[in-house]
Amino acid sequence: MRKIDFIRFKIVDKKIAKRTAIQETVIVPVRAFNYVTVVGGRQKEMTVLAFDKFTIPDDKCLVVEMFEKNGGRHQYYSVDNDDLVRARTIDNLKMKQP
């Protein structure tokens, strides 16, 4: 059983040149549905997070980081602005409860 310590969302530069200041903008979710803090072995969980509307410049990307509590695993992935443009608006959220 793995416990999630925290999840961080931030907008960062895609390319970091030498001797330049790194600018990061932290994005905080405004709502969460089925926010999971523990994931059992060989199981899947789904959490839906809602954010205020934001845009990502072409030279930046949204980075999602997830840290494991008392563990060494640290996962992260990046989302480009193209991915957000293709996203659909959810008017009515219908999810099956486990």
Protein backbone atom coordinates (compact mmCIF):
# COMPACT_ATOMS: atom_id res chain seq x y z
CA MET A 1 0.00 0.00 0.00
CA ARG A 2 1.48 3.36 -1.06
CA LYS A 3 0.61 6.71 0.49
CA ILE A 4 0.71 9.92 -1.53
CA ASP A 5 2.52 12.70 0.29
CA PHE A 6 1.52 15.54 -2.04
CA ILE A 7 0.87 16.51 -5.64
CA ARG A 8 2.29 19.75 -7.04
CA PHE A 9 1.26 21.59 -10.22
CA LYS A 10 3.50 24.30 -11.65
CA ILE A 11 4.21 26.12 -14.90
CA VAL A 12 7.90 26.00 -15.82
CA ASP A 13 10.17 26.86 -18.76
CA LYS A 14 10.57 24.09 -21.34
CA LYS A 15 14.24 24.81 -21.91
CA ILE A 16 16.56 26.05 -19.22
CA ALA A 17 19.59 27.87 -20.57
CA LYS A 18 22.76 28.18 -18.57
CA ARG A 19 22.95 31.15 -16.20
CA THR A 20 19.29 32.09 -16.44
CA ALA A 21 16.82 32.53 -13.65
CA ILE A 22 14.27 29.74 -13.41
CA GLN A 23 10.71 30.96 -13.08
CA GLU A 24 8.01 28.68 -11.74
CA THR A 25 4.35 29.48 -11.17
CA VAL A 26 2.54 27.14 -8.78
CA ILE A 27 -1.07 26.30 -9.73
CA VAL A 28 -3.45 25.29 -6.93
CA PRO A 29 -6.60 23.21 -7.60
CA VAL A 30 -9.87 24.85 -6.55
CA ARG A 31 -11.79 21.57 -6.19
CA ALA A 32 -11.12 17.87 -5.97
CA PHE A 33 -13.42 14.89 -6.46
CA ASN A 34 -12.43 11.54 -4.93
CA TYR A 35 -9.05 12.86 -3.72
CA VAL A 36 -7.07 9.68 -3.06
CA THR A 37 -4.20 9.59 -0.55
CA VAL A 38 -3.62 5.82 -0.44
CA VAL A 39 -3.31 3.44 -3.41
CA GLY A 40 -3.19 -0.30 -2.79
CA GLY A 41 -0.82 -2.64 -4.61
CA ARG A 42 -1.84 -3.42 -8.19
CA GLN A 43 -4.85 -1.12 -7.92
CA LYS A 44 -5.99 1.91 -9.88
CA GLU A 45 -7.49 5.09 -8.50
CA MET A 46 -8.86 8.20 -10.18
CA THR A 47 -9.02 11.74 -8.85
CA VAL A 48 -10.59 14.67 -10.71
CA LEU A 49 -9.09 18.09 -9.98
CA ALA A 50 -10.55 21.42 -11.11
CA PHE A 51 -8.49 24.54 -11.70
CA ASP A 52 -9.30 28.15 -12.46
CA LYS A 53 -8.90 28.86 -16.16
CA PHE A 54 -5.27 29.49 -17.14
CA THR A 55 -3.08 29.47 -20.23
CA ILE A 56 0.43 28.24 -20.82
CA PRO A 57 2.79 30.22 -23.08
CA ASP A 58 4.42 28.33 -25.96
CA ASP A 59 7.83 28.30 -24.26
CA LYS A 60 6.46 26.82 -21.00
CA CYS A 61 4.69 23.64 -19.86
CA LEU A 62 2.59 22.47 -16.92
CA VAL A 63 4.50 20.00 -14.72
CA VAL A 64 2.62 17.62 -12.42
CA GLU A 65 4.72 16.09 -9.62
CA MET A 66 3.60 13.35 -7.23
CA PHE A 67 5.63 12.39 -4.19
CA GLU A 68 5.33 9.16 -2.21
CA LYS A 69 5.19 9.48 1.57
CA ASN A 70 8.20 7.87 3.32
CA GLY A 71 9.41 6.54 -0.01
CA GLY A 72 11.82 7.25 -2.78
CA ARG A 73 9.37 7.37 -5.66
CA HIS A 74 8.80 10.69 -7.32
CA GLN A 75 6.76 10.79 -10.52
CA TYR A 76 6.29 13.75 -12.77
CA TYR A 77 4.96 14.46 -16.23
CA SER A 78 4.56 17.56 -18.33
CA VAL A 79 1.55 18.91 -20.21
CA ASP A 80 1.92 21.30 -23.16
CA ASN A 81 -0.54 24.02 -24.08
CA ASP A 82 -1.66 21.92 -27.10
CA ASP A 83 -2.95 19.26 -24.71
CA LEU A 84 -5.00 21.82 -22.77
CA VAL A 85 -6.46 23.34 -25.93
CA ARG A 86 -7.82 19.90 -26.92
CA ALA A 87 -9.35 19.34 -23.46
CA ARG A 88 -13.14 19.27 -23.13
CA THR A 89 -15.19 21.23 -20.63
CA ILE A 90 -17.05 19.05 -18.12
CA ASP A 91 -20.52 20.39 -17.41
CA ASN A 92 -21.89 17.39 -15.55
CA LEU A 93 -19.51 15.01 -13.81
CA LYS A 94 -20.71 11.40 -13.74
CA MET A 95 -18.37 8.86 -12.18
CA LYS A 96 -18.94 5.36 -10.88
CA GLN A 97 -18.24 5.00 -7.17
CA PRO A 98 -16.01 2.03 -6.25
